[in-house]
Amino acid sequence: MIKALEAEESINTTDKSPRTATIFTDSIITLDSLQNANNHAYLVEEIRKRVSTLEGSEWKIEFSWVKANVGIYGNEIADRLAKEAARSKDIETTFSRIPISTLYYELEEARQQWQKEWENCTKTAAKKEYFPTVQERLSMKISVTPNIAAMVKGHGKTRANLHRFKLLDNATCVCKQGDQTIDHLLYQSNLLEKQTGILKKNIVNAGHWPANKQKLITKYRESFITFIESVDFELF
């Protein structure tokens, strides 16, 4: 691969003769790597970058495989130069570096995979109401406190949650208007009348109530977090 890179560097871009260059290499790995769109190793990216530059100058670059050690003059010279370079102490080894473009590419691939897993997960229904996409959560700066975690996960010490773990005989809210879930406390119960009153007022002034959870955590985040932190789950 180093030899292929050196061969590209030796091309005289000011030459006006037929602008076609064939680079011969005895490395099948190099040829396979260049054809593999998912290979973003440093040397591979450097070769592609220089091919693109040459093609931008109206050069046609081709790669061809030759059998090693068969008396081909140019191949023997390239072998000798590569060995000399490998033994040189003056050359800084940088071939393990990863291009920034590769990092961005791999980060985007990881984000897309994360999104697929998020969509397919069956245990995140409550959280998906707030964050339908991974990108929305990544774009937010939120200090996750116990109250915020309880609200977003739909847990906390609500009667419904305690009943689910058989710690209470029933899940009915003390307001007698339904099971005491997070949604019930947020949208229906009068237990948090003072806190929800402030939240509603802020949201009605800016939009409408009831607001869905995605808007609560995005558009009305400051007011919603203030509301969450004012809730004392121990009182229910």
Protein backbone atom coordinates (compact mmCIF):
# COMPACT_ATOMS: atom_id res chain seq x y z
CA MET A 1 0.00 0.00 0.00
CA ILE A 2 2.90 2.33 0.74
CA LYS A 3 4.27 1.60 -2.72
CA ALA A 4 0.95 2.54 -4.33
CA LEU A 5 1.00 5.83 -2.43
CA GLU A 6 4.58 6.55 -3.52
CA ALA A 7 3.68 5.75 -7.12
CA GLU A 8 0.91 8.32 -7.06
CA GLU A 9 3.25 10.95 -5.65
CA SER A 10 5.68 10.38 -8.53
CA ILE A 11 3.13 11.30 -11.20
CA ASN A 12 4.06 14.56 -12.93
CA THR A 13 0.81 16.53 -12.93
CA THR A 14 2.29 19.18 -15.26
CA ASP A 15 2.93 16.64 -18.00
CA LYS A 16 0.62 17.27 -20.96
CA SER A 17 1.13 13.85 -22.58
CA PRO A 18 -1.78 11.33 -22.53
CA ARG A 19 -3.01 11.70 -18.98
CA THR A 20 -3.49 8.07 -18.05
CA ALA A 21 -1.44 6.33 -15.39
CA THR A 22 -1.55 2.67 -14.41
CA ILE A 23 -0.17 1.85 -10.98
CA PHE A 24 1.00 -1.73 -10.67
CA THR A 25 1.06 -3.41 -7.27
CA ASP A 26 1.70 -6.93 -6.08
CA SER A 27 -0.57 -6.35 -3.08
CA ILE A 28 -4.02 -7.86 -3.53
CA ILE A 29 -4.88 -6.47 -0.09
CA THR A 30 -4.29 -2.94 -1.37
CA LEU A 31 -6.57 -3.44 -4.37
CA ASP A 32 -9.29 -5.03 -2.24
CA SER A 33 -9.04 -2.24 0.34
CA LEU A 34 -9.42 0.48 -2.30
CA GLN A 35 -12.54 -1.23 -3.67
CA ASN A 36 -14.07 -1.66 -0.22
CA ALA A 37 -16.18 1.46 0.46
CA ASN A 38 -16.26 0.61 4.18
CA ASN A 39 -12.48 0.62 4.53
CA HIS A 40 -11.40 4.03 5.84
CA ALA A 41 -7.87 3.21 7.00
CA TYR A 42 -5.45 6.13 6.86
CA LEU A 43 -3.37 4.90 3.89
CA VAL A 44 -6.46 3.86 1.95
CA GLU A 45 -8.00 7.31 2.44
CA GLU A 46 -4.72 8.99 1.43
CA ILE A 47 -4.58 6.99 -1.81
CA ARG A 48 -8.21 7.79 -2.60
CA LYS A 49 -7.63 11.46 -1.84
CA ARG A 50 -4.68 11.66 -4.22
CA VAL A 51 -6.54 9.74 -6.94
CA SER A 52 -9.37 12.27 -6.61
CA THR A 53 -6.90 15.16 -6.91
CA LEU A 54 -5.32 13.66 -10.03
CA GLU A 55 -8.67 12.93 -11.59
CA GLY A 56 -9.61 16.55 -10.92
CA SER A 57 -6.61 17.46 -13.12
CA GLU A 58 -8.03 15.26 -15.88
CA TRP A 59 -5.86 12.26 -15.14
CA LYS A 60 -7.21 8.75 -15.42
CA ILE A 61 -5.74 6.53 -12.72
CA GLU A 62 -5.90 2.75 -12.94
CA PHE A 63 -4.63 0.06 -10.57
CA SER A 64 -3.41 -3.30 -11.75
CA TRP A 65 -2.05 -6.35 -9.95
CA VAL A 66 1.31 -7.94 -10.85
CA LYS A 67 2.90 -11.04 -9.45
CA ALA A 68 5.63 -10.29 -6.91
CA ASN A 69 9.32 -11.03 -7.50
CA VAL A 70 9.15 -11.81 -11.21
CA GLY A 71 11.93 -9.51 -12.37
CA ILE A 72 9.75 -6.49 -13.14
CA TYR A 73 12.14 -3.56 -12.97
CA GLY A 74 9.74 -1.01 -11.48
CA ASN A 75 8.42 -3.49 -8.94
CA GLU A 76 11.93 -4.32 -7.74
CA ILE A 77 12.74 -0.63 -7.35
CA ALA A 78 9.55 -0.08 -5.39
CA ASP A 79 10.39 -3.03 -3.12
CA ARG A 80 13.85 -1.59 -2.47
CA LEU A 81 12.50 1.91 -1.71
CA ALA A 82 9.82 0.52 0.61
CA LYS A 83 12.41 -1.48 2.55
CA GLU A 84 14.68 1.55 2.84
CA ALA A 85 11.81 3.66 4.11
CA ALA A 86 10.84 1.02 6.67
CA ARG A 87 14.41 0.99 8.03
CA SER A 88 14.75 4.78 8.13
CA LYS A 89 14.70 6.39 11.57
CA ASP A 90 13.97 9.82 10.10
CA ILE A 91 10.46 8.98 8.91
CA GLU A 92 7.64 9.45 11.35
CA THR A 93 5.20 6.56 11.31
CA THR A 94 1.72 7.98 10.84
CA PHE A 95 -0.05 5.17 9.04
CA SER A 96 -2.17 4.24 12.05
CA ARG A 97 -3.82 7.66 12.16
CA ILE A 98 -7.56 7.85 11.53
CA PRO A 99 -8.83 10.66 9.29
CA ILE A 100 -11.37 13.04 10.80
CA SER A 101 -13.74 12.17 7.96
CA THR A 102 -13.61 8.54 9.07
CA LEU A 103 -14.48 9.48 12.65
CA TYR A 104 -17.51 11.45 11.48
CA TYR A 105 -18.56 8.56 9.25
CA GLU A 106 -18.25 6.01 12.04
CA LEU A 107 -20.02 8.28 14.53
CA GLU A 108 -22.94 8.65 12.14
CA GLU A 109 -23.06 4.87 11.62
CA ALA A 110 -23.07 4.38 15.40
CA ARG A 111 -25.87 6.93 15.81
CA GLN A 112 -27.99 5.20 13.16
CA GLN A 113 -27.42 1.81 14.81
CA TRP A 114 -28.31 3.30 18.19
CA GLN A 115 -31.53 4.70 16.70
CA LYS A 116 -32.51 1.27 15.31
CA GLU A 117 -31.91 -0.37 18.69
CA TRP A 118 -33.88 2.43 20.38
CA GLU A 119 -36.84 1.91 18.04
CA ASN A 120 -36.78 -1.89 18.48
CA CYS A 121 -36.42 -1.85 22.27
CA THR A 122 -39.62 -2.91 24.00
CA LYS A 123 -38.69 -1.54 27.43
CA THR A 124 -38.42 2.16 26.60
CA ALA A 125 -42.03 3.06 25.73
CA ALA A 126 -42.28 5.77 28.42
CA LYS A 127 -38.96 7.37 27.50
CA LYS A 128 -39.80 7.33 23.77
CA GLU A 129 -42.72 9.66 24.46
CA TYR A 130 -40.17 12.27 25.50
CA PHE A 131 -37.38 11.30 23.10
CA PRO A 132 -38.63 9.63 19.89
CA THR A 133 -35.15 9.89 18.42
CA VAL A 134 -31.69 9.44 19.87
CA GLN A 135 -30.58 12.68 18.22
CA GLU A 136 -33.10 14.70 20.23
CA ARG A 137 -31.65 13.44 23.50
CA LEU A 138 -28.06 13.94 22.33
CA SER A 139 -28.81 17.55 21.43
CA MET A 140 -30.06 18.37 24.93
CA LYS A 141 -28.03 19.31 27.96
CA ILE A 142 -29.98 17.98 30.92
CA SER A 143 -28.66 17.25 34.38
CA VAL A 144 -30.43 14.00 35.18
CA THR A 145 -31.67 14.15 38.77
CA PRO A 146 -33.64 11.39 40.55
CA ASN A 147 -36.89 13.29 39.92
CA ILE A 148 -36.20 13.74 36.21
CA ALA A 149 -35.26 10.06 35.87
CA ALA A 150 -38.45 9.02 37.68
CA MET A 151 -40.65 11.23 35.50
CA VAL A 152 -39.07 10.29 32.16
CA LYS A 153 -38.98 6.56 32.95
CA GLY A 154 -42.56 6.63 34.22
CA HIS A 155 -41.46 5.21 37.57
CA GLY A 156 -40.95 6.99 40.85
CA LYS A 157 -42.75 6.13 44.07
CA THR A 158 -46.21 6.41 42.57
CA ARG A 159 -48.92 4.10 43.87
CA ALA A 160 -49.16 2.42 40.46
CA ASN A 161 -45.46 1.60 40.48
CA LEU A 162 -45.46 0.40 44.08
CA HIS A 163 -48.52 -1.72 43.34
CA ARG A 164 -46.71 -3.24 40.35
CA PHE A 165 -44.05 -4.50 42.73
CA LYS A 166 -46.73 -5.74 45.16
CA LEU A 167 -45.80 -3.17 47.80
CA LEU A 168 -49.35 -1.75 47.88
CA ASP A 169 -52.74 -3.44 47.67
CA ASN A 170 -53.99 -1.11 44.93
CA ALA A 171 -52.80 1.60 42.56
CA THR A 172 -55.64 4.07 43.07
CA CYS A 173 -54.55 7.67 43.58
CA VAL A 174 -55.67 9.36 46.79
CA CYS A 175 -57.61 11.82 44.62
CA LYS A 176 -59.83 8.85 43.67
CA GLN A 177 -59.77 9.86 40.00
CA GLY A 178 -57.75 6.89 38.67
CA ASP A 179 -54.55 4.91 39.09
CA GLN A 180 -51.70 7.02 40.35
CA THR A 181 -49.32 6.91 37.39
CA ILE A 182 -46.90 9.62 36.29
CA ASP A 183 -49.35 10.60 33.54
CA HIS A 184 -52.16 10.83 36.05
CA LEU A 185 -50.16 13.13 38.34
CA LEU A 186 -49.11 15.27 35.40
CA TYR A 187 -52.40 15.65 33.55
CA GLN A 188 -55.31 14.70 35.82
CA SER A 189 -54.71 14.55 39.58
CA ASN A 190 -55.35 17.53 41.83
CA LEU A 191 -52.55 16.42 44.16
CA LEU A 192 -50.11 18.61 42.26
CA GLU A 193 -52.60 21.36 41.55
CA LYS A 194 -50.26 24.14 42.63
CA GLN A 195 -47.27 22.82 40.65
CA THR A 196 -49.24 21.92 37.53
CA GLY A 197 -51.01 25.25 37.73
CA ILE A 198 -47.69 27.07 37.34
CA LEU A 199 -46.66 24.73 34.54
CA LYS A 200 -49.97 25.14 32.71
CA LYS A 201 -49.80 28.92 33.01
CA ASN A 202 -46.30 29.04 31.46
CA ILE A 203 -47.30 26.70 28.65
CA VAL A 204 -50.67 28.30 27.91
CA ASN A 205 -48.87 31.63 27.55
CA ALA A 206 -46.53 30.09 24.98
CA GLY A 207 -48.74 27.49 23.36
CA HIS A 208 -51.49 25.20 24.58
CA TRP A 209 -52.31 22.66 27.27
CA PRO A 210 -52.13 19.75 27.50
CA ALA A 211 -48.80 19.59 25.72
CA ASN A 212 -47.45 16.19 24.74
CA LYS A 213 -44.32 14.93 26.49
CA GLN A 214 -42.02 15.54 23.56
CA LYS A 215 -42.94 19.23 23.57
CA LEU A 216 -42.71 19.38 27.36
CA ILE A 217 -39.08 18.26 27.30
CA THR A 218 -38.08 20.22 24.19
CA LYS A 219 -40.15 23.37 23.67
CA TYR A 220 -41.09 23.93 27.32
CA ARG A 221 -38.09 22.27 28.93
CA GLU A 222 -37.23 24.96 31.48
CA SER A 223 -40.78 25.16 32.87
CA PHE A 224 -41.19 21.39 32.80
CA ILE A 225 -37.95 20.69 34.65
CA THR A 226 -38.92 23.29 37.27
CA PHE A 227 -42.19 21.42 37.68
CA ILE A 228 -40.48 18.03 37.96
CA GLU A 229 -38.06 19.22 40.61
CA SER A 230 -40.94 20.63 42.66
CA VAL A 231 -42.60 17.21 42.95
CA ASP A 232 -42.03 15.28 46.18
CA PHE A 233 -42.75 11.67 45.29
CA GLU A 234 -42.52 10.71 48.95
CA LEU A 235 -45.88 12.41 49.58
CA PHE A 236 -47.95 10.09 47.46
